[in-house]
Protein backbone atom coordinates (compact mmCIF):
# COMPACT_ATOMS: atom_id res chain seq x y z
CA MET A 1 60.13 4.27 2.81
CA GLU A 2 62.59 1.40 3.28
CA LYS A 3 59.73 -0.92 4.25
CA ILE A 4 57.67 0.18 1.24
CA ILE A 5 60.53 -0.52 -1.17
CA PHE A 6 61.20 -3.88 0.50
CA ASN A 7 57.53 -4.93 0.21
CA LYS A 8 57.29 -3.79 -3.42
CA ILE A 9 60.35 -5.79 -4.47
CA ARG A 10 59.24 -8.75 -2.34
CA GLU A 11 55.82 -8.73 -4.06
CA PHE A 12 57.47 -8.62 -7.49
CA ASN A 13 60.21 -11.18 -6.78
CA LYS A 14 58.56 -13.83 -4.61
CA ASN A 15 61.37 -16.40 -4.98
CA ALA A 16 64.15 -14.20 -3.57
CA THR A 17 65.27 -14.60 0.03
CA ASP A 18 64.68 -11.85 2.59
CA VAL A 19 68.45 -11.38 2.70
CA SER A 20 68.49 -10.61 -1.03
CA ILE A 21 65.44 -8.33 -0.83
CA SER A 22 67.04 -6.40 2.05
CA LEU A 23 70.21 -5.98 0.00
CA TYR A 24 68.25 -4.73 -3.03
CA THR A 25 66.38 -2.29 -0.79
CA ARG A 26 69.56 -0.90 0.76
CA ASN A 27 71.14 -0.52 -2.66
CA VAL A 28 68.12 1.40 -4.01
CA MET A 29 68.32 3.76 -1.04
CA SER A 30 72.10 4.06 -1.44
CA VAL A 31 71.79 5.11 -5.09
CA ALA A 32 69.05 7.59 -4.18
CA LYS A 33 71.33 9.10 -1.53
CA LEU A 34 74.15 9.46 -4.08
CA LEU A 35 71.68 11.26 -6.33
CA GLY A 36 70.96 13.69 -3.49
CA VAL A 37 67.46 12.37 -2.78
CA LYS A 38 66.14 11.99 0.78
CA PRO A 39 64.62 8.60 1.73
CA GLU A 40 61.11 10.02 1.99
CA ASP A 41 61.38 11.46 -1.55
CA ILE A 42 62.39 8.22 -3.30
CA LYS A 43 60.22 7.44 -6.32
CA PRO A 44 60.85 5.72 -9.68
CA SER A 45 61.28 8.96 -11.64
CA ILE A 46 64.53 9.85 -9.81
CA PHE A 47 66.17 6.91 -11.60
CA LYS A 48 64.80 7.69 -15.08
CA ASN A 49 68.15 8.84 -16.51
CA ILE A 50 70.55 5.91 -16.27
CA LYS A 51 73.45 8.15 -17.33
CA ASP A 52 72.97 10.21 -14.16
CA VAL A 53 72.87 7.03 -12.09
CA MET A 54 76.05 5.66 -13.67
CA LYS A 55 77.73 9.03 -13.13
CA VAL A 56 77.29 8.81 -9.34
CA LEU A 57 78.50 5.19 -9.40
CA GLU A 58 81.55 5.78 -11.61
CA HIS A 59 84.10 5.51 -8.79
CA GLN A 60 82.73 2.20 -7.52
CA SER A 61 83.81 -1.24 -8.70
CA ILE A 62 82.12 -2.98 -11.62
CA TYR A 63 80.58 -5.50 -9.23
CA THR A 64 79.18 -2.78 -6.95
CA GLN A 65 77.82 -0.90 -9.95
CA GLN A 66 76.16 -4.08 -11.20
CA ASN A 67 74.61 -4.86 -7.81
CA LYS A 68 73.17 -1.37 -7.49
CA ILE A 69 71.88 -1.20 -11.06
CA VAL A 70 70.19 -4.60 -10.60
CA ALA A 71 68.52 -3.31 -7.42
CA VAL A 72 67.19 -0.19 -9.14
CA TYR A 73 66.09 -2.32 -12.11
CA LEU A 74 64.05 -4.59 -9.82
CA TYR A 75 62.58 -1.59 -8.02
CA LEU A 76 61.49 0.03 -11.29
CA GLN A 77 59.95 -3.24 -12.45
CA SER A 78 58.11 -3.68 -9.15
CA MET A 79 56.69 -0.17 -9.53
CA GLY A 80 55.59 -0.78 -13.13
CA TYR A 81 57.72 2.10 -14.39
CA ASP A 82 58.36 3.14 -18.01
CA ASN A 83 59.38 0.09 -20.08
CA ASP A 84 61.95 2.01 -22.16
CA VAL A 85 63.80 2.99 -18.98
CA ILE A 86 63.66 -0.60 -17.74
CA ILE A 87 65.17 -1.78 -21.05
CA ASP A 88 68.02 0.74 -20.59
CA TYR A 89 68.75 -0.79 -17.18
CA ASN A 90 68.55 -4.31 -18.57
CA ASP A 91 71.09 -3.44 -21.27
CA LYS A 92 73.41 -1.84 -18.71
CA ILE A 93 73.22 -4.94 -16.48
CA PHE A 94 74.32 -7.17 -19.38
CA MET A 95 77.15 -4.79 -20.23
CA LEU A 96 78.40 -4.71 -16.62
CA ALA A 97 78.05 -8.48 -16.31
CA GLY A 98 80.27 -8.91 -19.38
CA LYS A 99 82.90 -6.58 -17.94
CA GLY A 100 82.72 -8.44 -14.64
CA ARG A 101 83.23 -11.83 -16.29
CA ALA A 102 86.19 -10.53 -18.26
CA LYS A 103 87.74 -9.11 -15.10
CA SER A 104 87.16 -12.31 -13.11
CA SER A 105 88.57 -14.58 -15.80
CA SER A 106 91.91 -12.76 -15.77
CA MET A 107 92.75 -14.20 -12.32
CA GLU A 108 94.36 -10.85 -11.47
CA TRP A 109 93.82 -8.92 -8.24
CA ASN A 110 92.46 -5.47 -9.03
CA GLU A 111 94.20 -2.40 -7.59
CA LYS A 112 91.87 -2.13 -4.59
CA GLU A 113 92.24 -5.81 -3.80
CA LYS A 114 96.04 -5.64 -4.01
CA GLU A 115 95.98 -3.23 -1.06
CA LYS A 116 94.07 -5.79 1.03
CA VAL A 117 95.36 -9.18 0.00
CA VAL A 118 97.56 -11.29 2.26
CA SER A 119 98.93 -14.79 1.78
CA MET A 120 97.57 -17.78 3.67
CA ASP A 121 100.92 -17.95 5.48
CA GLU A 122 100.47 -14.37 6.71
CA LEU A 123 96.94 -15.22 7.77
CA MET A 124 98.16 -18.23 9.76
CA VAL A 125 100.84 -16.11 11.49
CA MET A 126 98.17 -13.56 12.43
CA LEU A 127 95.94 -16.30 13.85
CA SER A 128 98.84 -17.72 15.83
CA ARG A 129 99.52 -14.30 17.34
CA MET A 130 95.83 -13.83 18.17
CA ARG A 131 95.69 -17.25 19.83
CA ASP A 132 98.70 -16.45 22.02
CA ASP A 133 96.81 -13.39 23.27
CA LEU A 134 93.58 -15.23 24.17
CA PRO A 135 92.38 -14.89 27.78
CA LYS A 136 92.42 -17.85 30.15
CA ASP A 137 88.99 -16.96 31.50
CA MET A 138 86.00 -15.71 29.55
CA ASP A 139 83.89 -13.94 32.16
CA THR A 140 83.61 -10.42 30.72
CA PHE A 141 82.45 -9.15 27.35
CA LYS A 142 86.01 -8.00 26.59
CA SER A 143 87.43 -11.49 27.16
CA ILE A 144 84.59 -13.18 25.28
CA GLU A 145 85.00 -10.74 22.38
CA LYS A 146 88.69 -11.65 22.09
CA MET A 147 87.75 -15.29 21.63
CA MET A 148 84.90 -14.29 19.32
CA LYS A 149 87.33 -12.41 17.05
CA TYR A 150 89.76 -15.32 16.95
CA LEU A 151 87.06 -17.90 16.20
CA CYS A 152 85.49 -15.69 13.55
CA VAL A 153 88.75 -15.31 11.60
CA LYS A 154 89.78 -18.94 12.21
CA ILE A 155 86.48 -20.35 10.90
CA TYR A 156 86.33 -17.99 7.92
CA SER A 157 89.92 -18.75 6.93
CA SER A 158 89.05 -22.47 6.70
CA TYR A 159 85.41 -22.29 5.66
CA PRO A 160 85.03 -19.08 3.61
CA MET A 161 81.29 -18.46 3.70
CA ARG A 162 79.68 -15.13 2.89
CA ASN A 163 78.37 -13.13 5.87
CA ASP A 164 76.29 -16.14 6.85
CA MET A 165 77.63 -16.27 10.41
CA SER A 166 75.96 -12.94 11.26
CA ASP A 167 72.67 -14.53 12.36
CA MET A 168 74.07 -17.97 13.15
CA GLN A 169 72.83 -19.69 16.28
CA ILE A 170 74.88 -22.24 18.18
CA TYR A 171 73.40 -25.26 19.99
CA SER A 172 74.63 -28.48 21.52
CA ASN A 173 73.33 -31.51 19.61
CA SER A 174 70.91 -32.39 22.44
CA GLU A 175 69.50 -28.85 22.46
CA PHE A 176 69.20 -28.79 18.68
CA ASP A 177 67.26 -32.07 18.69
CA ASN A 178 64.64 -30.40 20.87
CA ILE A 179 63.98 -27.24 18.89
CA LYS A 180 62.05 -26.66 15.68
CA GLU A 181 64.62 -25.77 13.04
CA ASP A 182 63.92 -22.40 11.43
CA LYS A 183 64.65 -22.65 7.71
CA ASP A 184 65.58 -18.95 7.64
CA VAL A 185 68.29 -19.32 10.28
CA ASN A 186 71.85 -20.65 10.06
CA TYR A 187 73.08 -23.01 12.78
CA MET A 188 76.22 -24.38 14.34
CA VAL A 189 75.58 -27.68 16.12
CA ILE A 190 78.23 -29.08 18.45
CA ASN A 191 78.44 -32.52 20.05
CA PRO A 192 80.80 -32.23 23.04
CA LYS A 193 80.73 -35.98 23.71
CA ASN A 194 82.09 -36.88 20.27
CA ASN A 195 83.90 -33.56 19.78
CA THR A 196 82.14 -32.95 16.45
CA CYS A 197 80.64 -29.79 15.02
CA LYS A 198 78.65 -29.01 11.89
CA ILE A 199 77.40 -25.87 10.24
CA ILE A 200 73.96 -25.75 8.62
CA LEU A 201 73.33 -22.88 6.23
CA ASN A 202 69.63 -22.38 5.56
CA ASN A 203 69.76 -18.66 4.84
CA PHE A 204 72.36 -17.62 2.28
CA LYS A 205 72.62 -15.70 -0.99
CA THR A 206 72.14 -18.69 -3.31
CA LYS A 207 69.50 -20.29 -1.09
CA LYS A 208 67.64 -21.74 -4.07
CA GLU A 209 70.52 -24.23 -4.39
CA GLY A 210 69.31 -25.90 -1.18
CA VAL A 211 70.76 -26.31 2.32
CA ILE A 212 74.54 -26.30 2.81
CA ASP A 213 75.63 -28.68 5.56
CA PHE A 214 79.29 -29.32 6.38
CA ALA A 215 81.47 -30.45 9.29
CA ILE A 216 84.27 -28.59 11.03
CA GLU A 217 87.17 -31.04 11.09
CA ASP A 218 89.69 -29.32 13.36
CA LYS A 219 89.22 -31.04 16.75
CA ASP A 220 91.15 -28.38 18.62
CA LEU A 221 88.96 -25.68 17.08
CA ILE A 222 85.81 -27.59 18.04
CA LYS A 223 86.95 -27.73 21.68
CA MET A 224 87.55 -23.96 21.63
CA ILE A 225 84.13 -23.35 20.10
CA TYR A 226 82.46 -25.42 22.83
CA ASP A 227 84.32 -23.60 25.63
CA TYR A 228 83.31 -20.30 24.04
CA TYR A 229 79.69 -21.44 23.79
CA LEU A 230 79.57 -22.37 27.50
CA ALA A 231 81.18 -19.05 28.45
CA CYS A 232 78.61 -17.11 26.39
CA LYS A 233 75.72 -18.95 28.09
CA LYS A 234 77.13 -18.16 31.53
CA TYR A 235 77.72 -14.53 30.56
CA TYR A 236 74.08 -14.07 29.50
CA GLU A 237 72.81 -15.84 32.62
CA TYR A 238 75.06 -13.83 34.95
CA ASN A 239 73.76 -10.59 33.40
CA GLU A 240 70.17 -11.87 33.60
CA ARG A 241 69.70 -11.86 29.85
CA ASP A 242 67.73 -14.33 27.76
CA TYR A 243 70.32 -16.37 25.84
CA LYS A 244 69.36 -16.39 22.15
CA HIS A 245 72.19 -18.74 21.10
CA TYR A 246 73.82 -16.18 18.79
CA PHE A 247 77.30 -17.32 17.83
CA LEU A 248 78.34 -13.68 17.28
CA PHE A 249 76.80 -10.89 19.32
CA LYS A 250 77.38 -7.26 20.22
CA ARG A 251 77.92 -5.63 23.59
CA ASP A 252 74.16 -5.01 23.78
CA TYR A 253 73.60 -8.81 23.63
CA LEU A 254 71.97 -8.59 20.19
CA LYS A 255 73.08 -10.50 17.09
CA MET A 256 75.23 -8.91 14.42
CA SER A 257 73.66 -7.85 11.14
CA ARG A 258 75.53 -8.73 7.95
CA ASN A 259 76.79 -5.15 7.70
CA VAL A 260 77.97 -5.20 11.31
CA LEU A 261 79.80 -8.50 10.68
CA THR A 262 81.60 -6.91 7.72
CA LYS A 263 82.72 -4.00 9.92
CA PHE A 264 83.65 -6.44 12.71
CA LEU A 265 85.94 -8.47 10.43
CA ILE A 266 87.49 -5.40 8.84
CA SER A 267 88.25 -3.95 12.29
CA ILE A 268 89.98 -7.20 13.34
CA PHE A 269 92.28 -7.17 10.31
CA GLU A 270 92.93 -3.43 10.57
CA ASN A 271 94.02 -3.83 14.19
CA GLU A 272 96.11 -6.94 13.52
CA ILE A 273 97.79 -6.24 10.17
CA GLY A 274 96.55 -2.82 9.03
CA LYS A 275 94.48 -4.10 6.11
CA LYS A 276 90.73 -3.87 5.44
CA ILE A 277 89.81 -7.50 4.76
CA SER A 278 86.17 -8.60 4.50
CA THR A 279 84.55 -12.00 3.92
CA THR A 280 84.72 -11.39 0.15
CA ILE A 281 88.50 -10.93 0.21
CA LEU A 282 88.87 -13.90 2.58
CA ARG A 283 86.93 -16.08 0.11
CA LYS A 284 89.33 -15.02 -2.66
CA ILE A 285 92.45 -15.53 -0.53
CA THR A 286 91.33 -19.02 0.52
CA THR A 287 90.32 -20.07 -3.00
CA SER A 288 93.49 -18.62 -4.53
CA SER A 289 95.63 -20.56 -2.06
CA LEU A 290 94.31 -23.80 -3.61
CA ILE A 291 95.32 -22.84 -7.17
CA ASP A 292 98.81 -22.37 -8.58
CA THR A 293 97.92 -19.21 -10.50
CA ALA A 294 101.38 -18.84 -12.10
CA LYS A 295 101.16 -22.30 -13.66
CA PHE A 296 97.57 -21.64 -14.75
CA LYS A 297 98.52 -18.40 -16.49
CA LYS A 298 101.43 -20.06 -18.30
CA LEU A 299 99.22 -22.96 -19.39
CA ALA A 300 96.53 -20.59 -20.69
CA TYR A 301 99.18 -18.63 -22.60
CA ILE A 302 100.53 -21.81 -24.23
CA GLN A 303 97.00 -22.91 -25.14
CA GLY A 304 96.29 -19.51 -26.67
CA HIS A 305 93.26 -18.48 -24.62
CA SER A 306 92.33 -16.69 -21.40
CA VAL A 307 92.69 -18.15 -17.91
CA GLY A 308 88.89 -18.03 -17.66
CA THR A 309 88.58 -20.35 -20.67
CA ALA A 310 91.12 -22.72 -19.11
CA LEU A 311 89.11 -22.82 -15.91
CA ASN A 312 85.63 -22.96 -17.40
CA THR A 313 86.23 -25.16 -20.46
CA TYR A 314 89.26 -27.37 -19.94
CA SER A 315 89.67 -27.86 -16.19
CA LYS A 316 87.70 -30.78 -14.72
CA PHE A 317 87.19 -31.64 -11.06
């Protein structure tokens, strides 16, 4: 059924990335499960009453509700379902989007986020502690995984992408020059001679905006990435496995899915500081560290409008 839903939405929305279509598909199946419907019994009619759907989503955040309603909306459209029902979903999407914008513009952490948020200083202390505990040799999965965890948090704390590192492949510059670049794959390319490293994002949520290409500037971090890369290659070779160049991989040598990466990051933070922090929260922590929110709130108050208006209308970069 999952494949059928994926293909239907893909046929209807040809411009969306496979990542987005997969997310829509999982959300449709998630809502069906909340409604008590088995995967094999999913059909458009189970979503006909939007009040029932919103009832099972009532304890989820506005953003999660919106994502799931959008997914069901696209599914119903792809199936050519009743237009009146589709209009109900369209209206609900606009209503949730308005609530989401109002919530975002307040620059306030919501109650769930407050339980997870840490300062950049706390994050740096955690990274320092993790670095002190890194192994001297990386010749087992356990030792490689320790470095993997450190590098994952270190990179995300400086370059807060979405879950785009899940399928990322790492190559030396000479190797990369000799492969055909897959426009659905994200890459990390490292030049050990010049001690430079860049990240190329081909496959990400807002892919229609084009390729994102940026350099890692921390020379010490680049050296650690290269040492990790060499250790991973040797580990695969020693265990007689075909090295697929995955930057992050599981004990079974396979790449991490986006969901697995989320769980991986959350487990790191839970073990280190007892908080469930994902890439989304990391993006907010990093962005917030660049803005003096107290001054922004005071300024908005003096100007007589919301913080969102100050950011969207009056602030220029």
